[in-house]
Amino acid sequence: MKDNYFSILKNETKTRFWINNPSEREIKLALEQGAVNCTTNPAFCSKLISSEPEYLQQVIDDVIKEYPDIEEAAKVVYQRASKRIMEFFCPIYEESKGTEGFVTMQDDPRKDEDTESIINAALENRKLGKNFMVKIPVIKGGIEAIEGCVEENIPICATEVFSISQAVYMCEKYTEAVKRTGNSPRFFITHISGIFDEYLKKYALRENIKIDSGLIDSAGLSVARKEYAILKKMGYKTTLLGGGARGPHHFTGLAGGSVHITINWSTAEEIINSGVTVENTLDTEISSTIIDELKEKFEDYRKAYDEDGLQVDEFAGFGPVQLFRNSFLKGWYLLLAEIASRKHAAAL
């Protein structure tokens, strides 16, 4: 592998690169760049509609012959598309003796707070491959499902985390579940920096808040860096996973420490082509002047940044969580529509 940002990152730091929602071509390219794990989400198959249409159409056509119900077919299409990735990453899982090579899957977003449904989906998806990792949002029903997955010893990616409160609360619950069950499956806390910045920019535009957009670009990273320091100080048995990037800085701005970061291949290409060098940015403090201005102008920034900013019953309704969840709902409905369309065409 030619030395570039990702090879240097892997060889000289503890930061690790994950690939998000990839096509087959992107899987292969990411593996060449040292990707150790892969994330998918409920919008994965809707992205394949445009990135790999012939592949997904064939999967759908095969599935609807066996599963006439559109809802059931959507679940199976997602499973088969994810299983393909698991097969690519399985050699890493084997070589690392089960510490790397994972592929995450997340349940139907309409069931985000249905604990039983989430656990049942995790138990079913676990059969797809030994390198399966469940991905669950840190909201009330999801938190309970995460505790249930510890009991089943299923590796966990806790997602939709936008606030310090969510991260600390979830780590405490995971720790309690580990003590209670004796199981300690791999556990990642995914902090969604880019979507958080996107949310604040949308809010500023809607409410006519005057602020330099460059300052907002520091918002998600400032919360993530503080979160990393707190998790490290508390000694929680977890790894921070940066996610939801909306630009290269959401990767490079967390690099250097014991973190993992997941990005789309398009963002990875931007980083490679930019010629940016690997630096330890994770421990760099963002100016208190910037943090104070963000706190002054955005109540939701205060809620994310302050350790007591949110109560558990407020997690699901937090604006950035809703924005992220809506993208998953949109993706899931696009998949359902594509299946319905191909089923109708096949019946003609």
Protein backbone atom coordinates (compact mmCIF):
# COMPACT_ATOMS: atom_id res chain seq x y z
CA MET A 1 0.00 0.00 0.00
CA LYS A 2 1.47 3.35 -1.10
CA ASP A 3 2.09 5.69 1.81
CA ASN A 4 -0.69 8.25 2.11
CA TYR A 5 -2.84 9.69 4.85
CA PHE A 6 -4.52 6.41 5.79
CA SER A 7 -1.46 4.17 5.70
CA ILE A 8 0.49 6.66 7.82
CA LEU A 9 -2.48 6.98 10.18
CA LYS A 10 -2.61 3.21 10.67
CA ASN A 11 1.14 2.75 11.04
CA GLU A 12 1.90 5.70 13.29
CA THR A 13 -1.24 6.28 15.39
CA LYS A 14 -3.95 4.35 17.23
CA THR A 15 -6.69 5.93 15.11
CA ARG A 16 -8.54 3.49 12.88
CA PHE A 17 -10.56 4.01 9.70
CA TRP A 18 -14.01 2.50 9.06
CA ILE A 19 -15.94 2.68 5.79
CA ASN A 20 -19.63 3.65 5.75
CA ASN A 21 -22.41 2.32 3.46
CA PRO A 22 -20.04 1.14 0.70
CA SER A 23 -20.59 -0.29 -2.75
CA GLU A 24 -18.48 -3.33 -3.69
CA ARG A 25 -15.93 -1.09 -5.39
CA GLU A 26 -15.72 1.10 -2.29
CA ILE A 27 -15.32 -1.93 -0.02
CA LYS A 28 -12.26 -3.02 -1.98
CA LEU A 29 -10.78 0.48 -2.07
CA ALA A 30 -11.35 0.97 1.66
CA LEU A 31 -9.72 -2.35 2.48
CA GLU A 32 -6.70 -1.32 0.40
CA GLN A 33 -6.47 1.80 2.58
CA GLY A 34 -6.55 -0.19 5.80
CA ALA A 35 -10.22 0.02 6.82
CA VAL A 36 -10.72 -2.25 9.83
CA ASN A 37 -14.54 -2.23 10.16
CA CYS A 38 -17.64 -1.11 8.27
CA THR A 39 -20.82 0.71 9.26
CA THR A 40 -24.17 0.46 7.56
CA ASN A 41 -27.46 2.08 8.50
CA PRO A 42 -31.11 1.93 7.39
CA ALA A 43 -30.32 4.22 4.43
CA PHE A 44 -27.67 1.82 3.09
CA CYS A 45 -29.77 0.10 0.45
CA SER A 46 -31.29 3.37 -0.75
CA LYS A 47 -27.73 4.54 -1.47
CA LEU A 48 -27.04 1.35 -3.40
CA ILE A 49 -29.99 2.23 -5.63
CA SER A 50 -27.78 4.95 -7.13
CA SER A 51 -24.24 3.69 -6.42
CA GLU A 52 -24.76 0.07 -7.52
CA PRO A 53 -28.21 -0.15 -9.16
CA GLU A 54 -27.76 -3.39 -11.10
CA TYR A 55 -26.55 -5.24 -8.01
CA LEU A 56 -29.37 -4.02 -5.77
CA GLN A 57 -32.03 -4.61 -8.41
CA GLN A 58 -30.88 -8.22 -8.75
CA VAL A 59 -30.95 -8.68 -4.97
CA ILE A 60 -34.47 -7.26 -4.84
CA ASP A 61 -35.66 -9.41 -7.75
CA ASP A 62 -34.31 -12.53 -6.06
CA VAL A 63 -35.80 -11.63 -2.69
CA ILE A 64 -39.33 -10.82 -3.88
CA LYS A 65 -39.57 -14.30 -5.41
CA GLU A 66 -39.17 -15.72 -1.90
CA TYR A 67 -40.75 -12.96 0.21
CA PRO A 68 -43.88 -11.44 -1.34
CA ASP A 69 -44.49 -9.11 1.61
CA ILE A 70 -42.73 -5.80 0.89
CA GLU A 71 -41.86 -5.14 4.54
CA GLU A 72 -40.29 -8.57 4.96
CA ALA A 73 -38.52 -8.22 1.63
CA ALA A 74 -36.91 -4.93 2.71
CA LYS A 75 -35.44 -6.58 5.79
CA VAL A 76 -34.02 -9.46 3.74
CA VAL A 77 -32.59 -7.17 1.04
CA TYR A 78 -30.72 -5.23 3.75
CA GLN A 79 -29.49 -8.49 5.26
CA ARG A 80 -28.15 -9.81 1.96
CA ALA A 81 -26.43 -6.54 1.06
CA SER A 82 -24.82 -6.46 4.52
CA LYS A 83 -23.80 -10.10 4.38
CA ARG A 84 -21.79 -9.36 1.25
CA ILE A 85 -19.76 -6.82 3.22
CA MET A 86 -19.30 -9.27 6.10
CA GLU A 87 -17.71 -11.74 3.71
CA PHE A 88 -15.18 -9.12 2.59
CA PHE A 89 -14.30 -8.18 6.18
CA CYS A 90 -14.30 -11.71 7.61
CA PRO A 91 -10.56 -12.29 6.94
CA ILE A 92 -9.77 -9.26 9.12
CA TYR A 93 -12.02 -10.66 11.83
CA GLU A 94 -10.19 -13.99 11.68
CA GLU A 95 -6.70 -12.48 11.60
CA SER A 96 -7.48 -10.15 14.52
CA LYS A 97 -9.07 -12.99 16.51
CA GLY A 98 -12.39 -11.21 16.68
CA THR A 99 -11.24 -7.70 17.58
CA GLU A 100 -11.68 -6.14 14.11
CA GLY A 101 -13.49 -6.89 10.85
CA PHE A 102 -16.98 -6.02 12.12
CA VAL A 103 -19.91 -4.86 10.01
CA THR A 104 -22.71 -2.98 11.74
CA MET A 105 -26.42 -3.23 10.98
CA GLN A 106 -29.25 -1.11 12.36
CA ASP A 107 -32.91 -2.11 12.60
CA ASP A 108 -35.87 -0.53 10.79
CA PRO A 109 -35.83 3.13 11.97
CA ARG A 110 -39.58 3.08 12.59
CA LYS A 111 -38.82 0.72 15.48
CA ASP A 112 -36.09 2.82 17.12
CA GLU A 113 -37.75 2.72 20.54
CA ASP A 114 -39.06 -0.84 20.36
CA THR A 115 -36.63 -2.70 22.61
CA GLU A 116 -37.94 -6.15 21.81
CA SER A 117 -37.84 -5.57 18.05
CA ILE A 118 -34.26 -4.29 18.20
CA ILE A 119 -33.05 -7.29 20.20
CA ASN A 120 -34.89 -9.75 17.97
CA ALA A 121 -33.38 -8.14 14.87
CA ALA A 122 -29.90 -8.35 16.43
CA LEU A 123 -30.37 -12.05 17.23
CA GLU A 124 -31.54 -12.72 13.67
CA ASN A 125 -28.81 -10.65 12.00
CA ARG A 126 -26.14 -12.32 14.13
CA LYS A 127 -26.75 -15.45 12.04
CA LEU A 128 -25.48 -13.65 8.92
CA GLY A 129 -21.86 -13.76 10.03
CA LYS A 130 -19.66 -13.99 13.10
CA ASN A 131 -18.38 -10.46 12.42
CA PHE A 132 -21.84 -8.89 12.80
CA MET A 133 -22.12 -5.90 15.13
CA VAL A 134 -25.47 -4.44 16.14
CA LYS A 135 -25.96 -0.69 15.77
CA ILE A 136 -28.51 0.86 18.14
CA PRO A 137 -29.50 4.50 18.84
CA VAL A 138 -28.88 5.89 22.32
CA ILE A 139 -32.48 6.76 23.15
CA LYS A 140 -34.64 5.17 25.83
CA GLY A 141 -35.80 1.99 24.06
CA GLY A 142 -32.45 1.62 22.34
CA ILE A 143 -30.55 1.89 25.62
CA GLU A 144 -32.61 -0.96 27.06
CA ALA A 145 -31.92 -2.98 23.92
CA ILE A 146 -28.18 -2.36 24.27
CA GLU A 147 -28.32 -3.74 27.80
CA GLY A 148 -30.14 -6.78 26.39
CA CYS A 149 -27.46 -7.25 23.74
CA VAL A 150 -24.78 -7.30 26.44
CA GLU A 151 -26.67 -10.22 27.96
CA GLU A 152 -26.46 -11.94 24.56
CA ASN A 153 -22.76 -10.99 24.22
CA ILE A 154 -23.38 -9.25 20.88
CA PRO A 155 -20.81 -6.59 19.82
CA ILE A 156 -22.39 -3.13 20.00
CA CYS A 157 -22.15 0.15 18.17
CA ALA A 158 -24.16 2.72 20.16
CA THR A 159 -25.17 5.43 17.68
CA GLU A 160 -27.05 8.72 17.24
CA VAL A 161 -24.97 10.22 20.04
CA PHE A 162 -24.80 14.01 19.82
CA SER A 163 -24.32 14.95 23.46
CA ILE A 164 -22.02 14.29 26.39
CA SER A 165 -25.09 13.27 28.40
CA GLN A 166 -25.96 10.45 26.00
CA ALA A 167 -22.40 9.11 25.93
CA VAL A 168 -21.89 9.08 29.70
CA TYR A 169 -25.34 7.66 30.44
CA MET A 170 -24.86 4.85 27.91
CA CYS A 171 -21.39 3.98 29.21
CA GLU A 172 -22.76 3.75 32.73
CA LYS A 173 -25.55 1.43 31.56
CA TYR A 174 -23.10 -0.71 29.60
CA THR A 175 -20.83 -0.96 32.66
CA GLU A 176 -23.76 -2.03 34.84
CA ALA A 177 -24.78 -4.66 32.27
CA VAL A 178 -21.22 -6.01 32.11
CA LYS A 179 -21.10 -6.36 35.90
CA ARG A 180 -24.50 -8.02 35.97
CA THR A 181 -23.89 -10.51 33.15
CA GLY A 182 -20.16 -11.10 33.12
CA ASN A 183 -20.16 -10.40 29.36
CA SER A 184 -18.15 -7.57 27.83
CA PRO A 185 -18.73 -7.50 24.06
CA ARG A 186 -16.91 -4.90 21.94
CA PHE A 187 -18.56 -1.57 22.58
CA PHE A 188 -18.29 1.63 20.54
CA ILE A 189 -19.86 5.02 21.28
CA THR A 190 -20.52 6.80 17.98
CA HIS A 191 -20.38 10.58 18.18
CA ILE A 192 -22.07 12.22 15.19
CA SER A 193 -20.11 15.44 14.63
CA GLY A 194 -20.97 16.38 11.05
CA ILE A 195 -24.72 16.00 11.31
CA PHE A 196 -24.62 18.13 14.46
CA ASP A 197 -22.92 20.96 12.52
CA GLU A 198 -25.45 20.53 9.72
CA TYR A 199 -28.28 20.81 12.23
CA LEU A 200 -26.90 24.03 13.74
CA LYS A 201 -26.43 25.58 10.30
CA LYS A 202 -30.01 24.79 9.35
CA TYR A 203 -31.21 26.22 12.66
CA ALA A 204 -29.13 29.40 12.25
CA LEU A 205 -30.52 29.95 8.75
CA ARG A 206 -34.12 29.36 9.87
CA GLU A 207 -33.86 31.59 12.95
CA ASN A 208 -31.68 34.23 11.23
CA ILE A 209 -28.88 33.80 13.77
CA LYS A 210 -25.82 35.81 12.80
CA ILE A 211 -22.70 33.68 13.20
CA ASP A 212 -19.70 32.77 11.08
CA SER A 213 -20.40 29.32 9.57
CA GLY A 214 -16.74 28.50 10.21
CA LEU A 215 -17.43 28.64 13.94
CA ILE A 216 -20.22 26.10 13.53
CA ASP A 217 -17.71 23.79 11.83
CA SER A 218 -16.04 23.52 15.25
CA ALA A 219 -19.23 22.61 17.11
CA GLY A 220 -19.42 18.85 16.60
CA LEU A 221 -15.67 18.38 16.99
CA SER A 222 -15.60 20.37 20.23
CA VAL A 223 -18.26 18.12 21.76
CA ALA A 224 -16.55 14.97 20.46
CA ARG A 225 -13.14 16.00 21.84
CA LYS A 226 -14.63 16.78 25.25
CA GLU A 227 -16.50 13.49 25.16
CA TYR A 228 -13.30 11.58 24.37
CA ALA A 229 -11.52 13.22 27.32
CA ILE A 230 -14.37 12.39 29.70
CA LEU A 231 -14.67 8.76 28.58
CA LYS A 232 -10.91 8.36 28.92
CA LYS A 233 -10.85 9.98 32.37
CA MET A 234 -13.72 7.80 33.60
CA GLY A 235 -12.01 4.65 32.33
CA TYR A 236 -15.06 3.32 30.52
CA LYS A 237 -14.47 0.15 28.53
CA THR A 238 -15.47 1.69 25.21
CA THR A 239 -13.99 3.20 22.07
CA LEU A 240 -15.12 6.52 20.67
CA LEU A 241 -16.22 6.20 17.04
CA GLY A 242 -16.51 9.41 15.06
CA GLY A 243 -19.40 9.35 12.60
CA GLY A 244 -21.75 11.40 10.46
CA ALA A 245 -18.94 13.29 8.70
CA ARG A 246 -19.93 16.10 6.38
CA GLY A 247 -16.39 16.99 5.37
CA PRO A 248 -12.77 15.79 5.70
CA HIS A 249 -12.27 17.85 8.87
CA HIS A 250 -14.72 15.61 10.70
CA PHE A 251 -12.16 12.83 10.22
CA THR A 252 -8.86 14.70 10.41
CA GLY A 253 -10.15 16.75 13.35
CA LEU A 254 -10.39 13.64 15.55
CA ALA A 255 -7.25 11.87 14.40
CA GLY A 256 -4.20 10.88 16.40
CA GLY A 257 -5.60 9.24 19.51
CA SER A 258 -7.27 5.96 20.44
CA VAL A 259 -10.38 6.60 18.36
CA HIS A 260 -12.04 5.01 15.36
CA ILE A 261 -13.78 7.10 12.68
CA THR A 262 -16.24 6.03 9.99
CA ILE A 263 -16.68 7.95 6.74
CA ASN A 264 -18.09 7.52 3.25
CA TRP A 265 -15.56 6.62 0.56
CA SER A 266 -16.09 10.02 -1.11
CA THR A 267 -14.75 11.71 2.04
CA ALA A 268 -11.81 9.30 2.19
CA GLU A 269 -10.92 10.25 -1.40
CA GLU A 270 -11.07 13.94 -0.49
CA ILE A 271 -8.61 13.33 2.33
CA ILE A 272 -6.24 11.32 0.13
CA ASN A 273 -6.32 13.88 -2.69
CA SER A 274 -5.96 16.88 -0.39
CA GLY A 275 -2.42 16.01 0.63
CA VAL A 276 -3.24 16.78 4.26
CA THR A 277 -0.74 15.38 6.76
CA VAL A 278 -1.53 13.23 9.78
CA GLU A 279 -1.60 15.29 12.97
CA ASN A 280 -2.78 14.62 16.50
CA THR A 281 -5.79 16.93 16.55
CA LEU A 282 -7.87 14.99 19.05
CA ASP A 283 -6.24 16.58 22.10
CA THR A 284 -6.27 20.10 20.66
CA GLU A 285 -8.53 22.37 22.66
CA ILE A 286 -10.96 24.53 20.72
CA SER A 287 -10.90 28.17 21.78
CA SER A 288 -13.12 29.00 24.74
CA THR A 289 -14.19 32.12 22.80
CA ILE A 290 -15.68 29.89 20.08
CA ILE A 291 -17.35 27.61 22.62
CA ASP A 292 -18.81 30.59 24.50
CA GLU A 293 -20.28 32.06 21.31
CA LEU A 294 -21.78 28.72 20.30
CA LYS A 295 -23.31 28.34 23.76
CA GLU A 296 -24.69 31.87 23.64
CA LYS A 297 -26.36 31.44 20.26
CA PHE A 298 -27.49 27.81 20.34
CA GLU A 299 -29.36 26.26 23.24
CA ASP A 300 -28.90 22.84 21.61
CA TYR A 301 -25.14 23.33 21.63
CA ARG A 302 -25.30 23.90 25.39
CA LYS A 303 -27.39 20.76 25.74
CA ALA A 304 -24.81 18.77 23.80
CA TYR A 305 -21.68 20.25 25.38
CA ASP A 306 -22.70 20.38 29.05
CA GLU A 307 -22.39 17.11 30.96
CA ASP A 308 -25.90 17.52 32.40
CA GLY A 309 -27.38 19.03 29.25
CA LEU A 310 -30.00 16.35 28.61
CA GLN A 311 -32.04 13.88 30.62
CA VAL A 312 -32.57 10.38 29.24
CA ASP A 313 -36.21 11.09 28.33
CA GLU A 314 -34.98 14.00 26.18
CA PHE A 315 -32.53 11.99 24.07
CA ALA A 316 -35.04 10.88 21.41
CA GLY A 317 -36.52 14.34 20.94
CA PHE A 318 -33.19 16.16 20.67
CA GLY A 319 -33.15 18.10 17.39
CA PRO A 320 -29.96 16.60 15.89
CA VAL A 321 -31.17 13.07 16.74
CA GLN A 322 -34.42 13.78 14.89
CA LEU A 323 -32.57 15.15 11.85
CA PHE A 324 -30.37 12.05 11.64
CA ARG A 325 -33.28 9.69 12.20
CA ASN A 326 -35.28 11.39 9.43
CA SER A 327 -32.52 10.60 6.93
CA PHE A 328 -32.82 6.93 7.91
CA LEU A 329 -36.59 6.99 7.57
CA LYS A 330 -36.27 8.56 4.13
CA GLY A 331 -33.77 5.89 3.09
CA TRP A 332 -35.94 3.06 4.39
CA TYR A 333 -39.02 4.35 2.58
CA LEU A 334 -37.02 4.69 -0.65
CA LEU A 335 -36.05 1.03 -0.34
CA LEU A 336 -39.67 0.02 0.26
CA ALA A 337 -40.71 2.04 -2.80
CA GLU A 338 -38.04 0.42 -4.98
CA ILE A 339 -39.14 -3.04 -3.89
CA ALA A 340 -42.79 -2.20 -4.57
CA SER A 341 -41.88 -0.86 -8.00
CA ARG A 342 -39.88 -3.93 -9.00
CA LYS A 343 -42.54 -6.23 -7.62
CA HIS A 344 -45.17 -4.46 -9.72
CA ALA A 345 -42.96 -4.62 -12.85
CA ALA A 346 -42.35 -8.34 -12.33
CA ALA A 347 -46.11 -8.96 -12.15
CA LEU A 348 -46.82 -7.33 -15.52
